Amino acid sequence: MADRFRPFCSKRCADVDLNRWLSGVYAIPVKEDEDEDGERPVHDAPGVADEPNGR
């Protein structure tokens, strides 16, 4: 194994991995109904009225 391609065995393997990153194969799936804190947005919470004064 050539040290210049570490951690890959060859330039081809490095290029295949780069292509996978750039094409989104390694993307982490997320739920659209949660924000980054894992909490639901206030407007989607049950019992919250759509009107600003709560009526």
N, C-alpha and C. Protein backbone atom coordinates (compact mmCIF):
# COMPACT_ATOMS: atom_id res chain seq x y z
N MET A 1 0.84 -1.18 0.00
CA MET A 1 0.00 0.00 0.00
C MET A 1 0.89 1.24 0.00
N ALA A 2 0.57 2.18 -0.86
CA ALA A 2 1.35 3.40 -0.95
C ALA A 2 0.93 4.37 0.16
N ASP A 3 1.90 4.87 0.90
CA ASP A 3 1.60 5.78 2.00
C ASP A 3 0.98 7.09 1.53
N ARG A 4 1.22 7.46 0.30
CA ARG A 4 0.70 8.74 -0.17
C ARG A 4 -0.81 8.74 -0.37
N PHE A 5 -1.44 7.57 -0.41
CA PHE A 5 -2.89 7.48 -0.57
C PHE A 5 -3.61 7.14 0.73
N ARG A 6 -2.86 7.09 1.82
CA ARG A 6 -3.47 6.73 3.11
C ARG A 6 -4.61 7.65 3.45
N PRO A 7 -5.71 7.21 3.93
CA PRO A 7 -6.00 5.87 4.42
C PRO A 7 -6.51 4.92 3.34
N PHE A 8 -6.40 5.31 2.08
CA PHE A 8 -6.89 4.49 0.97
C PHE A 8 -5.75 3.68 0.38
N CYS A 9 -6.13 2.63 -0.34
CA CYS A 9 -5.11 1.77 -0.93
C CYS A 9 -4.58 2.31 -2.25
N SER A 10 -5.36 3.20 -2.90
CA SER A 10 -4.92 3.75 -4.18
C SER A 10 -5.64 5.07 -4.44
N LYS A 11 -5.20 5.78 -5.47
CA LYS A 11 -5.85 7.03 -5.87
C LYS A 11 -7.28 6.75 -6.32
N ARG A 12 -7.49 5.63 -7.00
CA ARG A 12 -8.83 5.27 -7.45
C ARG A 12 -9.80 5.13 -6.27
N CYS A 13 -9.38 4.44 -5.22
CA CYS A 13 -10.23 4.28 -4.04
C CYS A 13 -10.51 5.62 -3.37
N ALA A 14 -9.52 6.49 -3.33
CA ALA A 14 -9.72 7.83 -2.77
C ALA A 14 -10.71 8.62 -3.61
N ASP A 15 -10.61 8.52 -4.92
CA ASP A 15 -11.54 9.22 -5.81
C ASP A 15 -12.96 8.68 -5.69
N VAL A 16 -13.11 7.37 -5.53
CA VAL A 16 -14.44 6.78 -5.35
C VAL A 16 -15.06 7.31 -4.07
N ASP A 17 -14.30 7.37 -2.99
CA ASP A 17 -14.80 7.88 -1.73
C ASP A 17 -15.18 9.35 -1.84
N LEU A 18 -14.35 10.16 -2.49
CA LEU A 18 -14.66 11.57 -2.68
C LEU A 18 -15.95 11.75 -3.47
N ASN A 19 -16.13 10.95 -4.51
CA ASN A 19 -17.35 11.02 -5.30
C ASN A 19 -18.58 10.69 -4.44
N ARG A 20 -18.45 9.72 -3.57
CA ARG A 20 -19.57 9.37 -2.68
C ARG A 20 -19.91 10.51 -1.75
N TRP A 21 -18.91 11.20 -1.22
CA TRP A 21 -19.18 12.36 -0.35
C TRP A 21 -19.85 13.47 -1.14
N LEU A 22 -19.34 13.76 -2.33
CA LEU A 22 -19.87 14.87 -3.12
C LEU A 22 -21.26 14.60 -3.66
N SER A 23 -21.61 13.34 -3.88
CA SER A 23 -22.93 13.01 -4.42
C SER A 23 -23.97 12.77 -3.33
N GLY A 24 -23.58 12.85 -2.06
CA GLY A 24 -24.52 12.74 -0.96
C GLY A 24 -24.80 11.33 -0.48
N VAL A 25 -24.01 10.36 -0.90
CA VAL A 25 -24.22 8.98 -0.46
C VAL A 25 -24.02 8.86 1.04
N TYR A 26 -23.11 9.64 1.61
CA TYR A 26 -22.81 9.55 3.03
C TYR A 26 -23.62 10.52 3.87
N ALA A 27 -24.70 11.07 3.34
CA ALA A 27 -25.51 12.04 4.07
C ALA A 27 -26.20 11.37 5.27
N ILE A 28 -26.34 12.12 6.33
CA ILE A 28 -27.03 11.64 7.52
C ILE A 28 -28.51 11.99 7.40
N PRO A 29 -29.39 10.99 7.45
CA PRO A 29 -30.82 11.29 7.33
C PRO A 29 -31.33 12.04 8.56
N VAL A 30 -32.23 12.98 8.33
CA VAL A 30 -32.83 13.76 9.42
C VAL A 30 -34.33 13.79 9.25
N LYS A 31 -35.04 13.99 10.36
CA LYS A 31 -36.47 14.18 10.31
C LYS A 31 -36.75 15.65 10.05
N GLU A 32 -37.63 15.93 9.12
CA GLU A 32 -37.94 17.31 8.77
C GLU A 32 -38.78 18.01 9.83
N ASP A 33 -39.49 17.27 10.68
CA ASP A 33 -40.38 17.89 11.66
C ASP A 33 -39.67 18.29 12.95
N GLU A 34 -38.36 18.11 13.02
CA GLU A 34 -37.60 18.49 14.20
C GLU A 34 -36.51 19.48 13.81
N ASP A 35 -36.21 20.39 14.72
CA ASP A 35 -35.10 21.30 14.45
C ASP A 35 -33.80 20.66 14.94
N GLU A 36 -32.71 21.39 14.92
CA GLU A 36 -31.42 20.81 15.26
C GLU A 36 -31.29 20.41 16.72
N ASP A 37 -32.17 20.94 17.61
CA ASP A 37 -32.14 20.55 19.01
C ASP A 37 -32.95 19.30 19.29
N GLY A 38 -33.66 18.80 18.27
CA GLY A 38 -34.49 17.63 18.45
C GLY A 38 -35.87 17.95 18.97
N GLU A 39 -36.19 19.23 19.07
CA GLU A 39 -37.49 19.65 19.54
C GLU A 39 -38.37 20.06 18.38
N ARG A 40 -39.67 19.88 18.55
CA ARG A 40 -40.60 20.29 17.50
C ARG A 40 -40.74 21.81 17.53
N PRO A 41 -40.86 22.44 16.38
CA PRO A 41 -41.10 23.89 16.36
C PRO A 41 -42.43 24.22 17.03
N VAL A 42 -42.53 25.41 17.63
CA VAL A 42 -43.70 25.82 18.39
C VAL A 42 -44.95 25.79 17.52
N HIS A 43 -44.87 26.20 16.26
CA HIS A 43 -46.05 26.26 15.41
C HIS A 43 -46.61 24.88 15.08
N ASP A 44 -45.86 23.81 15.31
CA ASP A 44 -46.34 22.46 15.06
C ASP A 44 -46.78 21.75 16.33
N ALA A 45 -46.57 22.38 17.48
CA ALA A 45 -46.90 21.73 18.74
C ALA A 45 -48.40 21.63 18.91
N PRO A 46 -48.89 20.52 19.45
CA PRO A 46 -50.33 20.39 19.66
C PRO A 46 -50.84 21.37 20.70
N GLY A 47 -52.04 21.90 20.47
CA GLY A 47 -52.66 22.82 21.42
C GLY A 47 -52.28 24.26 21.24
N VAL A 48 -51.44 24.58 20.31
CA VAL A 48 -51.05 25.97 20.08
C VAL A 48 -51.89 26.50 18.92
N ALA A 49 -52.59 27.61 19.18
CA ALA A 49 -53.45 28.19 18.16
C ALA A 49 -52.62 28.89 17.09
N ASP A 50 -53.20 28.98 15.89
CA ASP A 50 -52.51 29.65 14.79
C ASP A 50 -52.57 31.16 14.91
N GLU A 51 -53.53 31.69 15.66
CA GLU A 51 -53.66 33.14 15.78
C GLU A 51 -52.69 33.66 16.83
N PRO A 52 -52.18 34.89 16.64
CA PRO A 52 -51.18 35.42 17.58
C PRO A 52 -51.71 35.60 18.99
N ASN A 53 -53.01 35.89 19.19
CA ASN A 53 -53.52 36.11 20.56
C ASN A 53 -53.99 34.82 21.20
N GLY A 54 -53.85 33.67 20.54
CA GLY A 54 -54.17 32.38 21.13
C GLY A 54 -55.64 32.01 21.07
N ARG A 55 -56.46 32.72 20.32
CA ARG A 55 -57.89 32.40 20.24
C ARG A 55 -58.24 31.68 18.98
